[in-house]
Protein backbone atom coordinates (compact mmCIF):
# COMPACT_ATOMS: atom_id res chain seq x y z
CA UNK A 1 -1.36 -26.81 -54.18
CA UNK A 2 0.50 -27.84 -51.03
CA UNK A 3 0.51 -31.22 -49.33
CA UNK A 4 0.07 -31.31 -45.54
CA UNK A 5 -0.24 -33.88 -42.76
CA UNK A 6 -3.03 -33.09 -40.29
CA UNK A 7 -3.20 -35.06 -37.04
CA UNK A 8 -5.80 -34.88 -34.28
CA UNK A 9 -6.03 -36.70 -30.97
CA UNK A 10 -8.38 -36.35 -28.01
CA UNK A 11 -11.57 -37.59 -26.38
CA UNK A 12 -13.86 -39.32 -28.87
CA UNK A 13 -17.11 -37.55 -29.63
CA UNK A 14 -19.67 -38.26 -32.31
CA UNK A 15 -19.58 -35.82 -35.22
CA UNK A 16 -16.01 -34.51 -34.88
CA UNK A 17 -14.89 -36.08 -38.16
CA UNK A 18 -17.88 -34.53 -39.96
CA UNK A 19 -17.03 -31.07 -38.57
CA UNK A 20 -13.38 -31.46 -39.53
CA UNK A 21 -14.23 -32.66 -43.04
CA UNK A 22 -16.63 -29.76 -43.52
CA UNK A 23 -13.96 -27.24 -42.48
CA UNK A 24 -11.37 -28.82 -44.80
CA UNK A 25 -13.76 -28.85 -47.75
CA UNK A 26 -14.83 -25.28 -47.01
CA UNK A 27 -11.23 -24.15 -47.47
CA UNK A 28 -11.11 -25.73 -50.92
CA UNK A 29 -8.84 -28.52 -49.67
CA UNK A 30 -8.95 -32.18 -50.64
CA UNK A 31 -8.28 -35.13 -48.33
CA UNK A 32 -5.98 -37.56 -50.18
CA UNK A 33 -5.53 -40.20 -47.46
CA UNK A 34 -7.04 -40.66 -44.01
CA UNK A 35 -6.69 -43.11 -41.17
CA UNK A 36 -8.83 -42.69 -38.06
CA UNK A 37 -9.61 -44.91 -35.12
CA UNK A 38 -10.75 -44.92 -31.50
CA UNK A 39 -8.12 -45.91 -28.94
CA UNK A 40 -9.56 -46.55 -25.48
CA UNK A 41 -12.13 -43.77 -25.85
CA UNK A 42 -9.77 -41.35 -27.61
CA UNK A 43 -10.15 -40.44 -31.26
CA UNK A 44 -6.99 -40.47 -33.37
CA UNK A 45 -6.90 -39.19 -36.94
CA UNK A 46 -4.17 -38.71 -39.53
CA UNK A 47 -4.84 -37.10 -42.90
CA UNK A 48 -2.83 -36.11 -45.93
CA UNK A 49 -4.53 -32.97 -47.27
CA UNK A 50 -3.98 -31.00 -50.48
CA UNK A 51 -4.35 -27.30 -49.76
CA UNK A 52 -4.58 -24.33 -52.10
CA UNK A 53 -1.45 -22.15 -51.88
CA UNK A 54 -3.39 -19.36 -50.18
CA UNK A 55 -4.49 -21.71 -47.34
CA UNK A 56 -1.22 -23.46 -46.51
CA UNK A 57 -0.38 -25.25 -43.27
CA UNK A 58 -1.32 -22.27 -41.12
CA UNK A 59 -4.78 -21.84 -42.61
CA UNK A 60 -5.52 -25.56 -42.40
CA UNK A 61 -4.41 -25.77 -38.76
CA UNK A 62 -6.33 -22.62 -37.81
CA UNK A 63 -9.55 -23.94 -39.38
CA UNK A 64 -9.17 -27.39 -37.78
CA UNK A 65 -8.52 -25.90 -34.34
CA UNK A 66 -11.50 -23.55 -34.69
CA UNK A 67 -13.95 -26.28 -35.65
CA UNK A 68 -12.66 -28.62 -32.89
CA UNK A 69 -12.46 -25.91 -30.20
CA UNK A 70 -13.86 -27.10 -26.89
CA UNK A 71 -13.67 -30.77 -27.89
CA UNK A 72 -10.37 -31.47 -26.14
CA UNK A 73 -8.81 -32.53 -29.47
CA UNK A 74 -5.19 -31.55 -30.06
CA UNK A 75 -4.46 -30.58 -33.68
CA UNK A 76 -1.17 -30.43 -35.55
CA UNK A 77 -0.43 -29.66 -39.20
CA UNK A 78 2.92 -30.14 -40.88
CA UNK A 79 3.92 -29.64 -44.51
CA UNK A 80 4.79 -32.86 -46.33
CA UNK A 81 8.24 -32.47 -47.87
CA UNK A 82 7.30 -34.58 -50.87
CA UNK A 83 5.68 -37.86 -51.68
CA UNK A 84 8.73 -40.00 -51.02
CA UNK A 85 7.53 -43.03 -52.99
CA UNK A 86 4.33 -44.54 -54.30
CA UNK A 87 1.90 -45.84 -51.71
CA UNK A 88 2.96 -49.22 -50.35
CA UNK A 89 0.93 -52.19 -51.51
CA UNK A 90 0.57 -54.81 -48.78
CA UNK A 91 1.58 -58.29 -49.85
CA UNK A 92 1.02 -60.14 -46.56
CA UNK A 93 -1.04 -59.97 -43.38
CA UNK A 94 0.18 -61.05 -39.95
CA UNK A 95 -2.37 -61.79 -37.23
CA UNK A 96 -1.35 -62.29 -33.61
CA UNK A 97 -3.53 -63.44 -30.68
CA UNK A 98 -2.72 -64.27 -27.09
CA UNK A 99 -2.32 -63.01 -23.56
CA UNK A 100 -1.23 -59.38 -23.39
CA UNK A 101 2.29 -58.73 -22.20
CA UNK A 102 4.90 -56.02 -22.68
CA UNK A 103 7.16 -56.41 -25.70
CA UNK A 104 4.88 -58.04 -28.28
CA UNK A 105 4.81 -55.03 -30.63
CA UNK A 106 8.49 -54.27 -30.08
CA UNK A 107 9.77 -57.77 -30.75
CA UNK A 108 7.58 -58.41 -33.80
CA UNK A 109 8.28 -55.06 -35.45
CA UNK A 110 12.01 -55.44 -34.74
CA UNK A 111 12.04 -58.84 -36.47
CA UNK A 112 10.20 -57.40 -39.48
CA UNK A 113 12.38 -54.28 -39.70
CA UNK A 114 15.49 -56.45 -39.64
CA UNK A 115 14.25 -58.10 -42.84
CA UNK A 116 13.44 -54.78 -44.54
CA UNK A 117 9.69 -55.39 -44.28
CA UNK A 118 7.52 -52.28 -44.46
CA UNK A 119 4.47 -52.28 -42.14
CA UNK A 120 1.69 -50.52 -44.06
CA UNK A 121 -0.98 -50.79 -41.34
CA UNK A 122 -0.96 -51.98 -37.74
CA UNK A 123 -4.02 -52.37 -35.55
CA UNK A 124 -3.96 -53.86 -32.07
CA UNK A 125 -6.34 -53.95 -29.15
CA UNK A 126 -7.55 -55.95 -26.20
CA UNK A 127 -10.64 -58.01 -27.13
CA UNK A 128 -12.79 -60.61 -25.42
CA UNK A 129 -14.44 -60.68 -22.03
CA UNK A 130 -13.07 -58.56 -19.20
CA UNK A 131 -12.35 -61.70 -17.15
CA UNK A 132 -10.45 -63.26 -20.08
CA UNK A 133 -8.91 -60.48 -22.20
CA UNK A 134 -7.07 -61.40 -25.39
CA UNK A 135 -4.46 -59.29 -27.16
CA UNK A 136 -5.19 -59.09 -30.89
CA UNK A 137 -2.95 -57.55 -33.55
CA UNK A 138 -3.39 -57.33 -37.30
CA UNK A 139 -0.52 -56.06 -39.44
CA UNK A 140 -0.52 -55.46 -43.16
CA UNK A 141 2.95 -55.42 -44.63
CA UNK A 142 4.91 -55.14 -47.84
CA UNK A 143 7.60 -57.79 -48.15
CA UNK A 144 10.59 -57.05 -50.38
CA UNK A 145 10.56 -59.32 -53.46
CA UNK A 146 13.65 -61.25 -52.30
CA UNK A 147 12.14 -62.18 -48.91
CA UNK A 148 12.48 -65.85 -47.98
CA UNK A 149 8.89 -66.33 -46.81
CA UNK A 150 9.55 -69.87 -45.52
CA UNK A 151 12.36 -68.58 -43.28
CA UNK A 152 10.22 -65.62 -42.18
CA UNK A 153 7.39 -67.98 -41.18
CA UNK A 154 9.85 -70.09 -39.18
CA UNK A 155 11.24 -67.02 -37.39
CA UNK A 156 7.72 -65.75 -36.65
CA UNK A 157 6.70 -69.17 -35.30
CA UNK A 158 9.74 -69.24 -32.98
CA UNK A 159 9.07 -65.71 -31.76
CA UNK A 160 5.35 -66.44 -31.28
CA UNK A 161 6.24 -69.47 -29.16
CA UNK A 162 8.59 -67.35 -27.05
CA UNK A 163 5.91 -64.65 -26.63
CA UNK A 164 3.25 -67.31 -25.96
CA UNK A 165 0.96 -66.02 -28.72
CA UNK A 166 -0.50 -67.47 -31.91
CA UNK A 167 0.80 -65.85 -35.11
CA UNK A 168 -0.33 -66.45 -38.66
CA UNK A 169 1.23 -64.98 -41.82
CA UNK A 170 -0.94 -64.98 -44.96
CA UNK A 171 -0.51 -63.72 -48.53
CA UNK A 172 -2.85 -60.88 -49.46
CA UNK A 173 -3.72 -62.55 -52.79
């Protein structure tokens, strides 16, 4: 068995995930992990797929492209070198709300990276009424055991004030 990353991106259409899943299953493959979402009318999907040796990356990509032909979806398949480490287990959730402005994602992720914090999931979008849009972000993260959570909260509060957003860090438990 081989392990491959399959990514797709293009205009959202109902039923594309079902077609893709049917093609993958038909090859004798198994989907280990999947993350899919709609971003401003575009479907985005990432999968980690176990493939029989006779299928490989080429067979998986060929089947995905065939089943999604005409949909406008771009498909890419890459072999996974190896599972680098066990799946990350989020320990904390950060929620951010406020007026949208450039730099929110950059500044928050830079602060977290500087503390060795692994972001396990990040979701952001514009919500609310069109006359009063609100930027909303939800981040799941894995804090290293030695993280000073009190200091992290203080740094996040200072950055949130500078960005003019509300930020809240909560334990997963």
